[in-house]
Amino acid sequence: MEDNEIIHLWKTYDMKLEESLSLNRELAADLTRLKVQTFMSSMKPLKLFTILVGMVWVVLVDTLIISLFHVAGAFFLVSAGIQVLLTQLAIGIYLYQLVLIHRVDISEPVLATQEKLARLQSSTLWVARLLFLQLPVWTTFYLNKGMLENGNMWWCVLQVLVTAAFTYAAIWLFVNIRYENREKKWFRFIFAGKEWTPIMKSMELLGEVKSYQ
């Protein structure tokens, strides 16, 4: 066999190998995109359930505020008002997230999908911040003027300490719930499950898709 024939055979084999590798990369990228779609779809049921429960809760609390407005104390009205307002904001964010999830298209460019995931990630952090801000009002909604005037000193001290602790926790979590803290134990404890894990896994998978291209 002449040298030219050997070179030709080698080039033919090299081309076929490259085509095979290219096809394998495309298949791997498609499978990875399908996994991303599956992760995104897995988040929908929990978010829909949370929205429905949140709406029922908002209607219930709004009904109480309206019906008891002229007889309830200021502590109850303010606490309930803050709680329902934060819940409404959280519901709005969850609806926004459902739109983002619905708009994720596995056939679109990786950067476009990554941008949607980044917004989903950011809004997940924000909804957690808002919900944790409710902590202090759960320690004040039952208070009234009579309890403060007639309560003994130790009860008042305990009430102040509990409210202060919940307020500190709410502010601390609001400030520290950030992407930079994602590897810390308390963060992983809060965000373990369908709210966070699918987003992180999807972002990792999209990084793999980029390496295939």
N, C-alpha and C. Protein backbone atom coordinates (compact mmCIF):
# COMPACT_ATOMS: atom_id res chain seq x y z
N MET A 1 0.85 -1.20 0.00
CA MET A 1 0.00 0.00 0.00
C MET A 1 0.88 1.24 0.00
N GLU A 2 0.58 2.15 -0.93
CA GLU A 2 1.38 3.35 -1.05
C GLU A 2 1.09 4.32 0.08
N ASP A 3 2.06 5.23 0.21
CA ASP A 3 1.92 6.22 1.30
C ASP A 3 0.67 7.06 1.13
N ASN A 4 0.34 7.44 -0.12
CA ASN A 4 -0.85 8.28 -0.37
C ASN A 4 -2.13 7.57 0.06
N GLU A 5 -2.21 6.26 -0.19
CA GLU A 5 -3.39 5.52 0.20
C GLU A 5 -3.51 5.44 1.72
N ILE A 6 -2.36 5.25 2.36
CA ILE A 6 -2.36 5.20 3.83
C ILE A 6 -2.82 6.53 4.43
N ILE A 7 -2.31 7.61 3.85
CA ILE A 7 -2.70 8.96 4.32
C ILE A 7 -4.19 9.19 4.10
N HIS A 8 -4.69 8.75 2.93
CA HIS A 8 -6.11 8.92 2.62
C HIS A 8 -6.97 8.13 3.61
N LEU A 9 -6.59 6.88 3.87
CA LEU A 9 -7.34 6.06 4.83
C LEU A 9 -7.31 6.69 6.23
N TRP A 10 -6.17 7.20 6.57
CA TRP A 10 -6.05 7.82 7.88
C TRP A 10 -6.96 9.05 8.00
N LYS A 11 -6.98 9.87 6.95
CA LYS A 11 -7.83 11.06 6.96
C LYS A 11 -9.31 10.67 6.99
N THR A 12 -9.67 9.64 6.25
CA THR A 12 -11.06 9.17 6.25
C THR A 12 -11.47 8.70 7.64
N TYR A 13 -10.60 7.93 8.26
CA TYR A 13 -10.87 7.44 9.62
C TYR A 13 -10.98 8.60 10.59
N ASP A 14 -10.10 9.57 10.44
CA ASP A 14 -10.10 10.74 11.32
C ASP A 14 -11.39 11.52 11.19
N MET A 15 -11.87 11.67 9.94
CA MET A 15 -13.12 12.39 9.71
C MET A 15 -14.30 11.66 10.34
N LYS A 16 -14.35 10.33 10.17
CA LYS A 16 -15.43 9.55 10.73
C LYS A 16 -15.42 9.61 12.26
N LEU A 17 -14.21 9.57 12.82
CA LEU A 17 -14.07 9.66 14.27
C LEU A 17 -14.57 11.01 14.78
N GLU A 18 -14.23 12.08 14.05
CA GLU A 18 -14.65 13.42 14.44
C GLU A 18 -16.17 13.55 14.34
N GLU A 19 -16.75 12.97 13.28
CA GLU A 19 -18.20 13.01 13.13
C GLU A 19 -18.89 12.25 14.27
N SER A 20 -18.30 11.11 14.63
CA SER A 20 -18.86 10.33 15.73
C SER A 20 -18.78 11.07 17.05
N LEU A 21 -17.65 11.70 17.29
CA LEU A 21 -17.48 12.47 18.52
C LEU A 21 -18.45 13.66 18.56
N SER A 22 -18.61 14.31 17.41
CA SER A 22 -19.52 15.45 17.33
C SER A 22 -20.96 15.02 17.60
N LEU A 23 -21.35 13.86 17.04
CA LEU A 23 -22.69 13.34 17.27
C LEU A 23 -22.89 12.99 18.74
N ASN A 24 -21.88 12.38 19.34
CA ASN A 24 -21.97 12.04 20.76
C ASN A 24 -22.10 13.27 21.64
N ARG A 25 -21.37 14.34 21.28
CA ARG A 25 -21.47 15.59 22.04
C ARG A 25 -22.87 16.19 21.92
N GLU A 26 -23.44 16.13 20.71
CA GLU A 26 -24.79 16.67 20.51
C GLU A 26 -25.82 15.87 21.30
N LEU A 27 -25.68 14.55 21.29
CA LEU A 27 -26.59 13.70 22.05
C LEU A 27 -26.47 13.97 23.55
N ALA A 28 -25.23 14.10 24.01
CA ALA A 28 -25.01 14.38 25.43
C ALA A 28 -25.61 15.73 25.81
N ALA A 29 -25.45 16.72 24.95
CA ALA A 29 -26.01 18.05 25.21
C ALA A 29 -27.53 18.00 25.25
N ASP A 30 -28.14 17.25 24.32
CA ASP A 30 -29.60 17.13 24.29
C ASP A 30 -30.12 16.43 25.54
N LEU A 31 -29.44 15.36 25.96
CA LEU A 31 -29.85 14.66 27.17
C LEU A 31 -29.73 15.56 28.40
N THR A 32 -28.68 16.35 28.43
CA THR A 32 -28.48 17.26 29.56
C THR A 32 -29.57 18.32 29.59
N ARG A 33 -29.95 18.84 28.43
CA ARG A 33 -31.04 19.82 28.36
C ARG A 33 -32.36 19.21 28.84
N LEU A 34 -32.59 17.96 28.49
CA LEU A 34 -33.81 17.28 28.95
C LEU A 34 -33.81 17.14 30.47
N LYS A 35 -32.64 16.88 31.06
CA LYS A 35 -32.54 16.81 32.51
C LYS A 35 -32.88 18.16 33.14
N VAL A 36 -32.38 19.23 32.52
CA VAL A 36 -32.68 20.58 33.01
C VAL A 36 -34.18 20.82 32.98
N GLN A 37 -34.83 20.44 31.89
CA GLN A 37 -36.28 20.60 31.76
C GLN A 37 -37.00 19.81 32.85
N THR A 38 -36.51 18.61 33.14
CA THR A 38 -37.12 17.78 34.18
C THR A 38 -36.98 18.43 35.56
N PHE A 39 -35.80 18.97 35.84
CA PHE A 39 -35.58 19.65 37.12
C PHE A 39 -36.51 20.85 37.26
N MET A 40 -36.66 21.60 36.18
CA MET A 40 -37.53 22.77 36.23
C MET A 40 -38.99 22.38 36.45
N SER A 41 -39.42 21.33 35.76
CA SER A 41 -40.80 20.87 35.90
C SER A 41 -41.08 20.35 37.31
N SER A 42 -40.06 19.80 37.96
CA SER A 42 -40.24 19.26 39.30
C SER A 42 -40.55 20.34 40.34
N MET A 43 -40.27 21.60 39.99
CA MET A 43 -40.50 22.70 40.92
C MET A 43 -41.93 23.21 40.87
N LYS A 44 -42.64 22.93 39.79
CA LYS A 44 -43.98 23.50 39.61
C LYS A 44 -45.00 23.08 40.66
N PRO A 45 -45.13 21.77 40.98
CA PRO A 45 -46.17 21.38 41.94
C PRO A 45 -46.07 22.09 43.29
N LEU A 46 -44.87 22.16 43.84
CA LEU A 46 -44.69 22.80 45.14
C LEU A 46 -45.04 24.28 45.07
N LYS A 47 -44.62 24.95 44.00
CA LYS A 47 -44.90 26.38 43.86
C LYS A 47 -46.40 26.63 43.69
N LEU A 48 -47.07 25.79 42.91
CA LEU A 48 -48.52 25.92 42.75
C LEU A 48 -49.24 25.70 44.08
N PHE A 49 -48.81 24.68 44.82
CA PHE A 49 -49.40 24.41 46.13
C PHE A 49 -49.18 25.58 47.08
N THR A 50 -47.96 26.12 47.08
CA THR A 50 -47.65 27.26 47.95
C THR A 50 -48.50 28.48 47.60
N ILE A 51 -48.69 28.72 46.31
CA ILE A 51 -49.51 29.85 45.87
C ILE A 51 -50.95 29.68 46.34
N LEU A 52 -51.50 28.48 46.16
CA LEU A 52 -52.89 28.23 46.57
C LEU A 52 -53.07 28.39 48.07
N VAL A 53 -52.15 27.81 48.84
CA VAL A 53 -52.23 27.94 50.30
C VAL A 53 -52.07 29.41 50.71
N GLY A 54 -51.13 30.11 50.05
CA GLY A 54 -50.92 31.52 50.36
C GLY A 54 -52.14 32.36 50.07
N MET A 55 -52.81 32.08 48.97
CA MET A 55 -54.02 32.84 48.62
C MET A 55 -55.14 32.60 49.64
N VAL A 56 -55.30 31.34 50.04
CA VAL A 56 -56.31 31.03 51.05
C VAL A 56 -56.00 31.76 52.36
N TRP A 57 -54.71 31.75 52.73
CA TRP A 57 -54.29 32.43 53.96
C TRP A 57 -54.53 33.94 53.88
N VAL A 58 -54.20 34.53 52.75
CA VAL A 58 -54.39 35.98 52.57
C VAL A 58 -55.87 36.34 52.67
N VAL A 59 -56.73 35.55 52.04
CA VAL A 59 -58.18 35.80 52.11
C VAL A 59 -58.67 35.69 53.55
N LEU A 60 -58.19 34.68 54.26
CA LEU A 60 -58.59 34.47 55.65
C LEU A 60 -58.16 35.64 56.53
N VAL A 61 -56.90 36.04 56.41
CA VAL A 61 -56.40 37.14 57.25
C VAL A 61 -57.05 38.47 56.88
N ASP A 62 -57.22 38.71 55.58
CA ASP A 62 -57.90 39.94 55.16
C ASP A 62 -59.33 39.99 55.70
N THR A 63 -60.00 38.85 55.70
CA THR A 63 -61.37 38.80 56.23
C THR A 63 -61.38 39.13 57.72
N LEU A 64 -60.40 38.59 58.45
CA LEU A 64 -60.30 38.88 59.88
C LEU A 64 -60.02 40.36 60.13
N ILE A 65 -59.12 40.93 59.35
CA ILE A 65 -58.78 42.34 59.53
C ILE A 65 -60.01 43.22 59.29
N ILE A 66 -60.73 42.93 58.23
CA ILE A 66 -61.91 43.74 57.89
C ILE A 66 -63.01 43.57 58.92
N SER A 67 -63.27 42.32 59.31
CA SER A 67 -64.37 42.07 60.25
C SER A 67 -64.06 42.54 61.67
N LEU A 68 -62.78 42.55 62.03
CA LEU A 68 -62.40 42.93 63.40
C LEU A 68 -61.77 44.32 63.48
N PHE A 69 -61.84 45.06 62.40
CA PHE A 69 -61.12 46.34 62.33
C PHE A 69 -61.52 47.30 63.45
N HIS A 70 -62.80 47.34 63.78
CA HIS A 70 -63.29 48.31 64.78
C HIS A 70 -63.18 47.81 66.22
N VAL A 71 -62.87 46.52 66.38
CA VAL A 71 -62.80 45.99 67.75
C VAL A 71 -61.41 45.45 68.11
N ALA A 72 -60.63 45.11 67.09
CA ALA A 72 -59.30 44.55 67.35
C ALA A 72 -58.33 45.62 67.80
N GLY A 73 -57.31 45.20 68.53
CA GLY A 73 -56.29 46.13 69.00
C GLY A 73 -55.30 46.49 67.90
N ALA A 74 -54.52 47.52 68.17
CA ALA A 74 -53.55 47.99 67.18
C ALA A 74 -52.48 46.94 66.90
N PHE A 75 -52.09 46.19 67.92
CA PHE A 75 -51.06 45.16 67.74
C PHE A 75 -51.50 44.12 66.71
N PHE A 76 -52.76 43.68 66.86
CA PHE A 76 -53.27 42.67 65.93
C PHE A 76 -53.37 43.22 64.52
N LEU A 77 -53.91 44.41 64.37
CA LEU A 77 -54.11 44.98 63.03
C LEU A 77 -52.78 45.23 62.32
N VAL A 78 -51.82 45.78 63.05
CA VAL A 78 -50.52 46.06 62.44
C VAL A 78 -49.79 44.77 62.12
N SER A 79 -49.79 43.84 63.07
CA SER A 79 -49.09 42.57 62.86
C SER A 79 -49.71 41.79 61.70
N ALA A 80 -51.03 41.69 61.68
CA ALA A 80 -51.71 40.97 60.61
C ALA A 80 -51.51 41.66 59.28
N GLY A 81 -51.54 42.99 59.29
CA GLY A 81 -51.34 43.74 58.05
C GLY A 81 -49.96 43.51 57.45
N ILE A 82 -48.93 43.54 58.31
CA ILE A 82 -47.57 43.28 57.84
C ILE A 82 -47.44 41.86 57.31
N GLN A 83 -48.01 40.91 58.05
CA GLN A 83 -47.91 39.51 57.66
C GLN A 83 -48.57 39.25 56.31
N VAL A 84 -49.77 39.79 56.13
CA VAL A 84 -50.50 39.54 54.88
C VAL A 84 -49.84 40.27 53.71
N LEU A 85 -49.26 41.44 53.97
CA LEU A 85 -48.58 42.18 52.90
C LEU A 85 -47.36 41.39 52.42
N LEU A 86 -46.55 40.89 53.35
CA LEU A 86 -45.38 40.10 52.98
C LEU A 86 -45.77 38.81 52.27
N THR A 87 -46.88 38.21 52.69
CA THR A 87 -47.37 37.00 52.03
C THR A 87 -47.80 37.29 50.61
N GLN A 88 -48.46 38.41 50.40
CA GLN A 88 -48.88 38.80 49.05
C GLN A 88 -47.68 39.03 48.15
N LEU A 89 -46.65 39.67 48.68
CA LEU A 89 -45.43 39.87 47.89
C LEU A 89 -44.80 38.53 47.52
N ALA A 90 -44.79 37.59 48.48
CA ALA A 90 -44.23 36.27 48.22
C ALA A 90 -45.03 35.54 47.14
N ILE A 91 -46.35 35.65 47.18
CA ILE A 91 -47.20 35.03 46.16
C ILE A 91 -46.89 35.60 44.79
N GLY A 92 -46.71 36.91 44.74
CA GLY A 92 -46.36 37.56 43.47
C GLY A 92 -45.05 37.03 42.91
N ILE A 93 -44.07 36.81 43.79
CA ILE A 93 -42.77 36.28 43.34
C ILE A 93 -42.93 34.84 42.86
N TYR A 94 -43.74 34.05 43.56
CA TYR A 94 -43.96 32.67 43.12
C TYR A 94 -44.64 32.62 41.75
N LEU A 95 -45.58 33.51 41.51
CA LEU A 95 -46.22 33.58 40.19
C LEU A 95 -45.20 33.95 39.11
N TYR A 96 -44.33 34.89 39.44
CA TYR A 96 -43.25 35.28 38.53
C TYR A 96 -42.34 34.09 38.23
N GLN A 97 -42.05 33.29 39.25
CA GLN A 97 -41.20 32.12 39.06
C GLN A 97 -41.86 31.09 38.16
N LEU A 98 -43.16 30.90 38.31
CA LEU A 98 -43.87 29.96 37.44
C LEU A 98 -43.78 30.39 35.98
N VAL A 99 -43.87 31.70 35.75
CA VAL A 99 -43.73 32.22 34.38
C VAL A 99 -42.33 31.92 33.85
N LEU A 100 -41.31 32.15 34.68
CA LEU A 100 -39.93 31.87 34.28
C LEU A 100 -39.74 30.40 33.94
N ILE A 101 -40.26 29.52 34.81
CA ILE A 101 -40.13 28.08 34.57
C ILE A 101 -40.82 27.68 33.28
N HIS A 102 -42.00 28.25 33.06
CA HIS A 102 -42.75 27.94 31.83
C HIS A 102 -42.00 28.40 30.58
N ARG A 103 -41.24 29.48 30.72
CA ARG A 103 -40.53 30.04 29.56
C ARG A 103 -39.18 29.39 29.30
N VAL A 104 -38.76 28.49 30.19
CA VAL A 104 -37.49 27.78 29.95
C VAL A 104 -37.67 26.85 28.76
N ASP A 105 -36.87 27.05 27.73
CA ASP A 105 -36.95 26.28 26.50
C ASP A 105 -35.60 25.59 26.28
N ILE A 106 -35.61 24.27 26.27
CA ILE A 106 -34.34 23.54 26.16
C ILE A 106 -33.68 23.72 24.81
N SER A 107 -34.43 24.22 23.82
CA SER A 107 -33.85 24.41 22.48
C SER A 107 -33.20 25.78 22.32
N GLU A 108 -33.40 26.69 23.28
CA GLU A 108 -32.84 28.02 23.17
C GLU A 108 -31.36 28.01 23.55
N PRO A 109 -30.61 29.07 23.21
CA PRO A 109 -29.19 29.12 23.57
C PRO A 109 -28.97 28.97 25.07
N VAL A 110 -27.84 28.39 25.43
CA VAL A 110 -27.53 28.13 26.84
C VAL A 110 -27.54 29.41 27.66
N LEU A 111 -27.00 30.48 27.12
CA LEU A 111 -26.93 31.74 27.87
C LEU A 111 -28.31 32.26 28.21
N ALA A 112 -29.28 32.09 27.30
CA ALA A 112 -30.64 32.54 27.56
C ALA A 112 -31.26 31.75 28.72
N THR A 113 -31.03 30.45 28.72
CA THR A 113 -31.55 29.61 29.80
C THR A 113 -30.86 29.95 31.12
N GLN A 114 -29.55 30.17 31.07
CA GLN A 114 -28.81 30.52 32.27
C GLN A 114 -29.31 31.84 32.86
N GLU A 115 -29.69 32.76 31.99
CA GLU A 115 -30.20 34.05 32.46
C GLU A 115 -31.52 33.87 33.20
N LYS A 116 -32.40 33.00 32.68
CA LYS A 116 -33.67 32.72 33.36
C LYS A 116 -33.42 32.03 34.70
N LEU A 117 -32.48 31.10 34.72
CA LEU A 117 -32.16 30.41 35.96
C LEU A 117 -31.58 31.36 37.00
N ALA A 118 -30.79 32.32 36.55
CA ALA A 118 -30.22 33.31 37.47
C ALA A 118 -31.33 34.15 38.10
N ARG A 119 -32.33 34.51 37.30
CA ARG A 119 -33.46 35.27 37.84
C ARG A 119 -34.29 34.41 38.79
N LEU A 120 -34.43 33.13 38.45
CA LEU A 120 -35.15 32.21 39.32
C LEU A 120 -34.42 32.05 40.66
N GLN A 121 -33.12 31.96 40.57
CA GLN A 121 -32.28 31.84 41.77
C GLN A 121 -32.40 33.08 42.65
N SER A 122 -32.28 34.25 42.02
CA SER A 122 -32.36 35.51 42.77
C SER A 122 -33.72 35.69 43.43
N SER A 123 -34.80 35.38 42.70
CA SER A 123 -36.14 35.54 43.25
C SER A 123 -36.41 34.53 44.38
N THR A 124 -35.79 33.36 44.32
CA THR A 124 -35.93 32.38 45.40
C THR A 124 -35.32 32.92 46.69
N LEU A 125 -34.18 33.56 46.57
CA LEU A 125 -33.56 34.18 47.74
C LEU A 125 -34.43 35.31 48.29
N TRP A 126 -35.01 36.09 47.40
CA TRP A 126 -35.83 37.22 47.83
C TRP A 126 -37.10 36.77 48.53
N VAL A 127 -37.74 35.73 48.02
CA VAL A 127 -38.98 35.27 48.65
C VAL A 127 -38.69 34.73 50.05
N ALA A 128 -37.53 34.09 50.22
CA ALA A 128 -37.15 33.61 51.56
C ALA A 128 -36.91 34.79 52.49
N ARG A 129 -36.23 35.81 52.02
CA ARG A 129 -35.99 37.00 52.84
C ARG A 129 -37.30 37.61 53.32
N LEU A 130 -38.24 37.76 52.40
CA LEU A 130 -39.52 38.39 52.74
C LEU A 130 -40.30 37.55 53.75
N LEU A 131 -40.33 36.26 53.55
CA LEU A 131 -41.09 35.40 54.47
C LEU A 131 -40.48 35.39 55.86
N PHE A 132 -39.16 35.44 55.96
CA PHE A 132 -38.52 35.46 57.28
C PHE A 132 -38.75 36.79 57.99
N LEU A 133 -39.03 37.84 57.24
CA LEU A 133 -39.34 39.12 57.89
C LEU A 133 -40.63 39.07 58.69
N GLN A 134 -41.43 38.02 58.48
CA GLN A 134 -42.68 37.87 59.22
C GLN A 134 -42.44 37.42 60.67
N LEU A 135 -41.26 36.94 60.96
CA LEU A 135 -41.01 36.35 62.28
C LEU A 135 -41.45 37.23 63.46
N PRO A 136 -41.09 38.52 63.52
CA PRO A 136 -41.46 39.31 64.70
C PRO A 136 -42.96 39.44 64.91
N VAL A 137 -43.75 39.54 63.84
CA VAL A 137 -45.19 39.79 64.02
C VAL A 137 -45.90 38.58 64.61
N TRP A 138 -45.28 37.40 64.52
CA TRP A 138 -45.89 36.22 65.16
C TRP A 138 -45.75 36.29 66.68
N THR A 139 -44.96 37.22 67.17
CA THR A 139 -44.80 37.38 68.63
C THR A 139 -45.54 38.61 69.15
N THR A 140 -46.28 39.30 68.28
CA THR A 140 -46.94 40.53 68.72
C THR A 140 -48.43 40.59 68.39
N PHE A 141 -48.92 39.73 67.50
CA PHE A 141 -50.30 39.87 67.04
C PHE A 141 -51.33 39.66 68.15
N TYR A 142 -50.97 38.92 69.20
CA TYR A 142 -51.91 38.59 70.28
C TYR A 142 -51.88 39.63 71.41
N LEU A 143 -50.98 40.59 71.33
CA LEU A 143 -50.85 41.58 72.40
C LEU A 143 -52.00 42.58 72.37
N ASN A 144 -52.30 43.12 73.55
CA ASN A 144 -53.27 44.21 73.64
C ASN A 144 -52.89 45.13 74.80
N LYS A 145 -53.55 46.23 74.89
CA LYS A 145 -53.22 47.24 75.90
C LYS A 145 -53.36 46.69 77.31
N GLY A 146 -54.41 45.89 77.53
CA GLY A 146 -54.65 45.34 78.86
C GLY A 146 -53.54 44.40 79.30
N MET A 147 -53.04 43.59 78.37
CA MET A 147 -51.96 42.65 78.71
C MET A 147 -50.70 43.41 79.13
N LEU A 148 -50.42 44.51 78.46
CA LEU A 148 -49.21 45.28 78.78
C LEU A 148 -49.35 46.03 80.09
N GLU A 149 -50.57 46.50 80.37
CA GLU A 149 -50.78 47.27 81.60
C GLU A 149 -50.88 46.37 82.84
N ASN A 150 -51.47 45.20 82.66
CA ASN A 150 -51.73 44.33 83.81
C ASN A 150 -50.76 43.15 83.93
N GLY A 151 -49.93 42.95 82.92
CA GLY A 151 -49.00 41.84 82.97
C GLY A 151 -47.89 42.10 83.99
N ASN A 152 -47.41 41.02 84.61
CA ASN A 152 -46.33 41.20 85.59
C ASN A 152 -45.01 41.51 84.87
N MET A 153 -44.05 41.94 85.64
CA MET A 153 -42.78 42.39 85.08
C MET A 153 -42.07 41.28 84.31
N TRP A 154 -42.07 40.06 84.88
CA TRP A 154 -41.36 38.96 84.23
C TRP A 154 -41.98 38.59 82.89
N TRP A 155 -43.30 38.67 82.83
CA TRP A 155 -43.98 38.39 81.56
C TRP A 155 -43.57 39.44 80.51
N CYS A 156 -43.53 40.70 80.92
CA CYS A 156 -43.16 41.78 79.99
C CYS A 156 -41.71 41.61 79.51
N VAL A 157 -40.82 41.25 80.45
CA VAL A 157 -39.42 41.04 80.09
C VAL A 157 -39.30 39.89 79.09
N LEU A 158 -40.02 38.80 79.37
CA LEU A 158 -39.99 37.64 78.46
C LEU A 158 -40.52 38.01 77.09
N GLN A 159 -41.60 38.77 77.06
CA GLN A 159 -42.19 39.19 75.78
C GLN A 159 -41.21 40.04 74.98
N VAL A 160 -40.56 40.97 75.65
CA VAL A 160 -39.59 41.83 74.98
C VAL A 160 -38.41 41.01 74.45
N LEU A 161 -37.93 40.07 75.24
CA LEU A 161 -36.80 39.24 74.82
C LEU A 161 -37.16 38.37 73.61
N VAL A 162 -38.34 37.78 73.65
CA VAL A 162 -38.77 36.92 72.54
C VAL A 162 -38.93 37.73 71.26
N THR A 163 -39.60 38.86 71.35
CA THR A 163 -39.79 39.71 70.18
C THR A 163 -38.46 40.22 69.65
N ALA A 164 -37.56 40.60 70.56
CA ALA A 164 -36.24 41.08 70.15
C ALA A 164 -35.46 39.96 69.46
N ALA A 165 -35.54 38.74 69.99
CA ALA A 165 -34.82 37.61 69.38
C ALA A 165 -35.36 37.32 67.99
N PHE A 166 -36.67 37.32 67.82
CA PHE A 166 -37.28 37.06 66.52
C PHE A 166 -36.96 38.18 65.53
N THR A 167 -36.93 39.41 66.05
CA THR A 167 -36.59 40.54 65.18
C THR A 167 -35.15 40.45 64.71
N TYR A 168 -34.25 40.12 65.63
CA TYR A 168 -32.84 39.96 65.27
C TYR A 168 -32.67 38.84 64.24
N ALA A 169 -33.35 37.71 64.47
CA ALA A 169 -33.25 36.59 63.54
C ALA A 169 -33.76 36.98 62.16
N ALA A 170 -34.88 37.72 62.11
CA ALA A 170 -35.45 38.13 60.83
C ALA A 170 -34.49 39.05 60.07
N ILE A 171 -33.92 40.02 60.78
CA ILE A 171 -32.99 40.96 60.13
C ILE A 171 -31.72 40.24 59.70
N TRP A 172 -31.21 39.35 60.56
CA TRP A 172 -29.98 38.62 60.24
C TRP A 172 -30.18 37.76 58.99
N LEU A 173 -31.29 37.05 58.93
CA LEU A 173 -31.56 36.20 57.77
C LEU A 173 -31.78 37.04 56.52
N PHE A 174 -32.47 38.16 56.66
CA PHE A 174 -32.71 39.03 55.51
C PHE A 174 -31.39 39.52 54.92
N VAL A 175 -30.44 39.83 55.78
CA VAL A 175 -29.14 40.34 55.32
C VAL A 175 -28.26 39.22 54.79
N ASN A 176 -28.30 38.05 55.42
CA ASN A 176 -27.33 37.00 55.12
C ASN A 176 -27.81 35.94 54.12
N ILE A 177 -29.08 35.95 53.79
CA ILE A 177 -29.53 35.02 52.75
C ILE A 177 -29.06 35.55 51.40
N ARG A 178 -27.89 35.10 51.02
CA ARG A 178 -27.25 35.52 49.78
C ARG A 178 -26.60 34.32 49.11
N TYR A 179 -26.40 34.42 47.81
CA TYR A 179 -25.81 33.33 47.05
C TYR A 179 -24.42 32.99 47.57
N GLU A 180 -23.69 33.99 48.04
CA GLU A 180 -22.34 33.78 48.52
C GLU A 180 -22.28 32.83 49.72
N ASN A 181 -23.40 32.71 50.44
CA ASN A 181 -23.43 31.87 51.63
C ASN A 181 -24.02 30.48 51.36
N ARG A 182 -24.15 30.10 50.09
CA ARG A 182 -24.85 28.87 49.72
C ARG A 182 -24.21 27.61 50.28
N GLU A 183 -22.91 27.64 50.60
CA GLU A 183 -22.23 26.45 51.10
C GLU A 183 -22.29 26.32 52.62
N LYS A 184 -22.82 27.31 53.29
CA LYS A 184 -22.88 27.25 54.75
C LYS A 184 -24.01 26.33 55.20
N LYS A 185 -23.82 25.70 56.35
CA LYS A 185 -24.76 24.69 56.81
C LYS A 185 -26.17 25.24 57.01
N TRP A 186 -26.28 26.42 57.64
CA TRP A 186 -27.60 26.97 57.90
C TRP A 186 -28.32 27.29 56.60
N PHE A 187 -27.57 27.73 55.59
CA PHE A 187 -28.17 28.04 54.29
C PHE A 187 -28.70 26.77 53.65
N ARG A 188 -27.88 25.72 53.65
CA ARG A 188 -28.28 24.46 53.02
C ARG A 188 -29.45 23.83 53.77
N PHE A 189 -29.53 24.06 55.08
CA PHE A 189 -30.66 23.54 55.86
C PHE A 189 -31.95 24.24 55.44
N ILE A 190 -31.89 25.56 55.26
CA ILE A 190 -33.08 26.32 54.88
C ILE A 190 -33.54 26.00 53.46
N PHE A 191 -32.56 25.87 52.55
CA PHE A 191 -32.90 25.75 51.13
C PHE A 191 -32.84 24.33 50.59
N ALA A 192 -32.73 23.35 51.46
CA ALA A 192 -32.73 21.96 50.97
C ALA A 192 -34.11 21.62 50.43
N GLY A 193 -34.16 20.98 49.27
CA GLY A 193 -35.44 20.57 48.72
C GLY A 193 -35.74 21.19 47.37
N LYS A 194 -37.03 21.17 47.00
CA LYS A 194 -37.47 21.56 45.66
C LYS A 194 -37.35 23.05 45.38
N GLU A 195 -37.15 23.87 46.40
CA GLU A 195 -37.05 25.31 46.17
C GLU A 195 -35.70 25.73 45.60
N TRP A 196 -34.67 24.97 45.90
CA TRP A 196 -33.32 25.41 45.58
C TRP A 196 -32.51 24.38 44.79
N THR A 197 -32.56 23.12 45.21
CA THR A 197 -31.73 22.08 44.61
C THR A 197 -31.89 21.96 43.09
N PRO A 198 -33.12 21.94 42.54
CA PRO A 198 -33.25 21.84 41.08
C PRO A 198 -32.58 22.99 40.33
N ILE A 199 -32.59 24.19 40.92
CA ILE A 199 -31.96 25.34 40.26
C ILE A 199 -30.46 25.13 40.17
N MET A 200 -29.85 24.73 41.29
CA MET A 200 -28.41 24.55 41.32
C MET A 200 -27.98 23.41 40.40
N LYS A 201 -28.73 22.31 40.41
CA LYS A 201 -28.39 21.19 39.54
C LYS A 201 -28.53 21.58 38.07
N SER A 202 -29.55 22.38 37.76
CA SER A 202 -29.76 22.82 36.38
C SER A 202 -28.62 23.72 35.91
N MET A 203 -28.15 24.59 36.80
CA MET A 203 -27.04 25.47 36.43
C MET A 203 -25.76 24.67 36.20
N GLU A 204 -25.55 23.65 37.01
CA GLU A 204 -24.39 22.78 36.81
C GLU A 204 -24.48 22.05 35.47
N LEU A 205 -25.67 21.56 35.15
CA LEU A 205 -25.87 20.83 33.89
C LEU A 205 -25.67 21.74 32.68
N LEU A 206 -26.13 22.98 32.78
CA LEU A 206 -25.94 23.91 31.67
C LEU A 206 -24.46 24.23 31.46
N GLY A 207 -23.70 24.22 32.55
CA GLY A 207 -22.24 24.37 32.41
C GLY A 207 -21.65 23.22 31.61
N GLU A 208 -22.20 22.02 31.80
CA GLU A 208 -21.73 20.86 31.03
C GLU A 208 -22.11 21.00 29.56
N VAL A 209 -23.31 21.53 29.30
CA VAL A 209 -23.74 21.74 27.91
C VAL A 209 -22.78 22.66 27.18
N LYS A 210 -22.35 23.72 27.87
CA LYS A 210 -21.40 24.66 27.25
C LYS A 210 -20.08 23.98 26.92
N SER A 211 -19.68 23.02 27.77
CA SER A 211 -18.42 22.33 27.50
C SER A 211 -18.53 21.39 26.30
N TYR A 212 -19.76 20.97 25.97
CA TYR A 212 -19.95 20.10 24.80
C TYR A 212 -19.87 20.88 23.49
N GLN A 213 -20.13 22.19 23.60
CA GLN A 213 -20.24 22.99 22.37
C GLN A 213 -18.87 23.47 21.90
